[in-house]
């Protein structure tokens, strides 16, 4: 629960390379996400290197975290392999969340940069990575070691007014 309570969107990163073992662990966590009928509709593009991260950054308006991130992970849906076509966005949302929680647990910072359903963003990433039309980018997560010491800290968001109990 500590990781759930302390994970925050981190937008500034140190110039420290994230270890390959941590990237693998993050991807393993993403692939443990629940999915409709266990379809596991995800593929991942791991982007490293300043030149490659800079090439990805123009995909959207709020992508400045990529300018200091040392890793980005693009979460992609292979739509031609879906068992339950109407649930892939929920499935990839769960995978993205798992990825970010594991990053926090490993001492890293992350921020979710949305792609789908914004067609210009989808098109940009498909062209950048030469993806066929059935491979749809869902999200990009910028990762790295947080620039600020206590970037992942608890902020109490509990709000009793947002709960309705049915008795």
Protein backbone atom coordinates (compact mmCIF):
# COMPACT_ATOMS: atom_id res chain seq x y z
CA UNK A 1 0.00 0.00 0.00
CA UNK A 2 2.90 2.36 0.64
CA UNK A 3 3.71 2.43 -3.08
CA UNK A 4 0.10 3.19 -3.98
CA UNK A 5 -0.02 6.02 -1.46
CA UNK A 6 3.33 7.59 -2.37
CA UNK A 7 3.44 7.36 -6.18
CA UNK A 8 3.28 10.77 -7.80
CA UNK A 9 3.69 12.09 -11.32
CA UNK A 10 7.36 13.00 -11.64
CA UNK A 11 8.27 15.36 -14.46
CA UNK A 12 11.94 16.14 -13.81
CA UNK A 13 14.63 13.48 -13.75
CA UNK A 14 18.32 13.20 -12.91
CA UNK A 15 20.75 12.40 -15.69
CA UNK A 16 21.23 8.89 -14.28
CA UNK A 17 20.61 5.85 -16.47
CA UNK A 18 17.94 3.44 -15.24
CA UNK A 19 19.42 -0.04 -14.91
CA UNK A 20 18.28 -2.66 -17.44
CA UNK A 21 17.22 -4.97 -14.59
CA UNK A 22 14.84 -2.31 -13.28
CA UNK A 23 13.33 -1.80 -16.74
CA UNK A 24 12.77 -5.56 -17.01
CA UNK A 25 11.15 -5.64 -13.55
CA UNK A 26 8.87 -2.74 -14.54
CA UNK A 27 7.81 -4.58 -17.71
CA UNK A 28 7.14 -7.75 -15.72
CA UNK A 29 4.87 -5.74 -13.40
CA UNK A 30 3.02 -4.26 -16.38
CA UNK A 31 2.40 -7.72 -17.80
CA UNK A 32 0.85 -8.87 -14.49
CA UNK A 33 -2.08 -6.50 -15.00
CA UNK A 34 -5.57 -7.94 -15.21
CA UNK A 35 -7.17 -8.04 -18.65
CA UNK A 36 -10.52 -9.04 -20.13
CA UNK A 37 -10.60 -12.81 -20.73
CA UNK A 38 -6.86 -12.75 -19.99
CA UNK A 39 -6.24 -11.34 -23.47
CA UNK A 40 -3.08 -9.48 -22.35
CA UNK A 41 -3.36 -6.99 -25.23
CA UNK A 42 -0.06 -5.24 -24.77
CA UNK A 43 3.28 -4.77 -26.37
CA UNK A 44 5.99 -2.39 -25.21
CA UNK A 45 8.56 -0.21 -26.93
CA UNK A 46 11.44 0.70 -24.62
CA UNK A 47 13.06 3.97 -25.68
CA UNK A 48 16.48 4.94 -24.38
CA UNK A 49 19.21 7.31 -25.52
CA UNK A 50 18.89 11.07 -25.68
CA UNK A 51 18.46 11.15 -29.47
CA UNK A 52 15.61 8.61 -29.37
CA UNK A 53 13.85 10.29 -26.44
CA UNK A 54 14.11 13.66 -28.17
CA UNK A 55 12.60 12.16 -31.34
CA UNK A 56 9.60 10.94 -29.32
CA UNK A 57 8.99 14.21 -27.46
CA UNK A 58 7.13 16.08 -30.26
CA UNK A 59 4.21 13.61 -30.14
CA UNK A 60 2.21 15.88 -27.83
CA UNK A 61 1.85 19.16 -26.02
CA UNK A 62 2.71 18.03 -22.48
CA UNK A 63 5.74 15.87 -23.18
CA UNK A 64 8.50 17.97 -21.60
CA UNK A 65 9.24 15.22 -19.04
CA UNK A 66 10.81 13.30 -21.93
CA UNK A 67 13.52 15.99 -22.12
CA UNK A 68 15.05 14.75 -18.85
CA UNK A 69 13.81 11.14 -18.71
CA UNK A 70 16.38 8.42 -19.39
CA UNK A 71 13.77 5.84 -20.41
CA UNK A 72 10.33 5.97 -21.97
CA UNK A 73 8.02 3.04 -22.42
CA UNK A 74 5.40 3.15 -25.14
CA UNK A 75 2.47 0.86 -24.39
CA UNK A 76 0.94 -0.48 -27.61
CA UNK A 77 -2.18 -2.51 -28.37
CA UNK A 78 -2.01 -5.08 -31.19
CA UNK A 79 -5.69 -4.64 -32.12
CA UNK A 80 -5.61 -7.54 -34.58
CA UNK A 81 -5.07 -10.00 -31.70
CA UNK A 82 -7.91 -8.97 -29.38
CA UNK A 83 -10.32 -11.52 -27.89
CA UNK A 84 -12.46 -8.75 -26.34
CA UNK A 85 -12.11 -5.69 -28.61
CA UNK A 86 -14.11 -3.32 -26.41
CA UNK A 87 -11.89 -3.71 -23.33
CA UNK A 88 -8.33 -3.06 -24.55
CA UNK A 89 -8.18 0.51 -23.21
CA UNK A 90 -9.10 -0.69 -19.73
CA UNK A 91 -6.53 -3.48 -19.98
CA UNK A 92 -3.74 -1.14 -21.08
CA UNK A 93 -4.72 1.36 -18.39
CA UNK A 94 -4.17 -1.36 -15.79
CA UNK A 95 -0.82 -2.27 -17.36
CA UNK A 96 0.27 1.37 -17.38
CA UNK A 97 -0.68 1.76 -13.72
CA UNK A 98 1.20 -1.42 -12.74
CA UNK A 99 4.25 -0.17 -14.62
CA UNK A 100 4.20 3.14 -12.74
CA UNK A 101 3.66 1.52 -9.35
CA UNK A 102 6.63 -0.78 -9.86
CA UNK A 103 8.77 2.15 -10.98
CA UNK A 104 7.92 3.94 -7.73
CA UNK A 105 8.65 0.82 -5.69
CA UNK A 106 12.10 0.66 -7.34
CA UNK A 107 12.89 4.27 -6.37
CA UNK A 108 12.12 5.74 -9.78
CA UNK A 109 9.79 8.50 -10.89
CA UNK A 110 7.33 8.29 -13.73
CA UNK A 111 4.64 10.23 -15.50
CA UNK A 112 1.85 8.98 -17.76
CA UNK A 113 1.69 10.79 -21.09
CA UNK A 114 -1.59 10.01 -22.81
CA UNK A 115 -1.79 9.02 -26.46
CA UNK A 116 -5.09 7.27 -27.32
CA UNK A 117 -7.65 8.44 -28.44
CA UNK A 118 -5.84 11.49 -29.87
CA UNK A 119 -5.36 10.54 -33.54
CA UNK A 120 -2.48 12.97 -34.28
CA UNK A 121 -0.55 11.51 -31.33
CA UNK A 122 -1.33 7.96 -32.43
CA UNK A 123 -0.25 8.75 -36.01
CA UNK A 124 2.99 10.42 -34.88
CA UNK A 125 4.08 7.41 -32.81
CA UNK A 126 3.00 4.89 -35.45
CA UNK A 127 5.11 6.73 -38.04
CA UNK A 128 8.07 7.20 -35.69
CA UNK A 129 8.29 3.47 -34.94
CA UNK A 130 6.97 2.23 -38.28
CA UNK A 131 3.98 0.55 -36.63
CA UNK A 132 1.21 -0.91 -38.79
CA UNK A 133 -2.28 0.53 -38.31
CA UNK A 134 -3.38 -2.41 -36.10
CA UNK A 135 -0.67 -1.55 -33.53
CA UNK A 136 -2.15 1.38 -31.64
CA UNK A 137 -0.06 3.33 -29.11
CA UNK A 138 -2.05 3.80 -25.92
CA UNK A 139 0.29 5.66 -23.58
CA UNK A 140 3.87 6.72 -23.04
CA UNK A 141 5.47 6.62 -19.60
CA UNK A 142 8.54 8.77 -19.00
CA UNK A 143 10.85 7.21 -16.40
CA UNK A 144 13.97 8.08 -14.50
CA UNK A 145 15.45 8.90 -11.14
CA UNK A 146 13.54 11.87 -9.73
CA UNK A 147 15.40 15.19 -9.73
CA UNK A 148 13.81 16.12 -6.39
CA UNK A 149 14.71 14.07 -3.32
CA UNK A 150 11.20 13.37 -2.07
CA UNK A 151 9.27 13.29 -5.34
CA UNK A 152 7.17 10.27 -4.35
CA UNK A 153 5.50 11.32 -1.10
CA UNK A 154 2.13 10.69 0.46
CA UNK A 155 -0.60 13.22 -0.35
CA UNK A 156 -3.94 12.44 1.27
CA UNK A 157 -6.57 12.37 -1.48
CA UNK A 158 -9.25 10.57 0.50
CA UNK A 159 -12.56 12.43 0.22
CA UNK A 160 -15.55 11.04 2.10
CA UNK A 161 -17.84 13.20 -0.09
CA UNK A 162 -17.04 11.07 -3.13
CA UNK A 163 -18.45 7.90 -1.57
CA UNK A 164 -22.03 6.67 -1.62
CA UNK A 165 -22.90 3.67 0.51
CA UNK A 166 -25.86 1.55 -0.58
CA UNK A 167 -27.30 -0.31 2.41
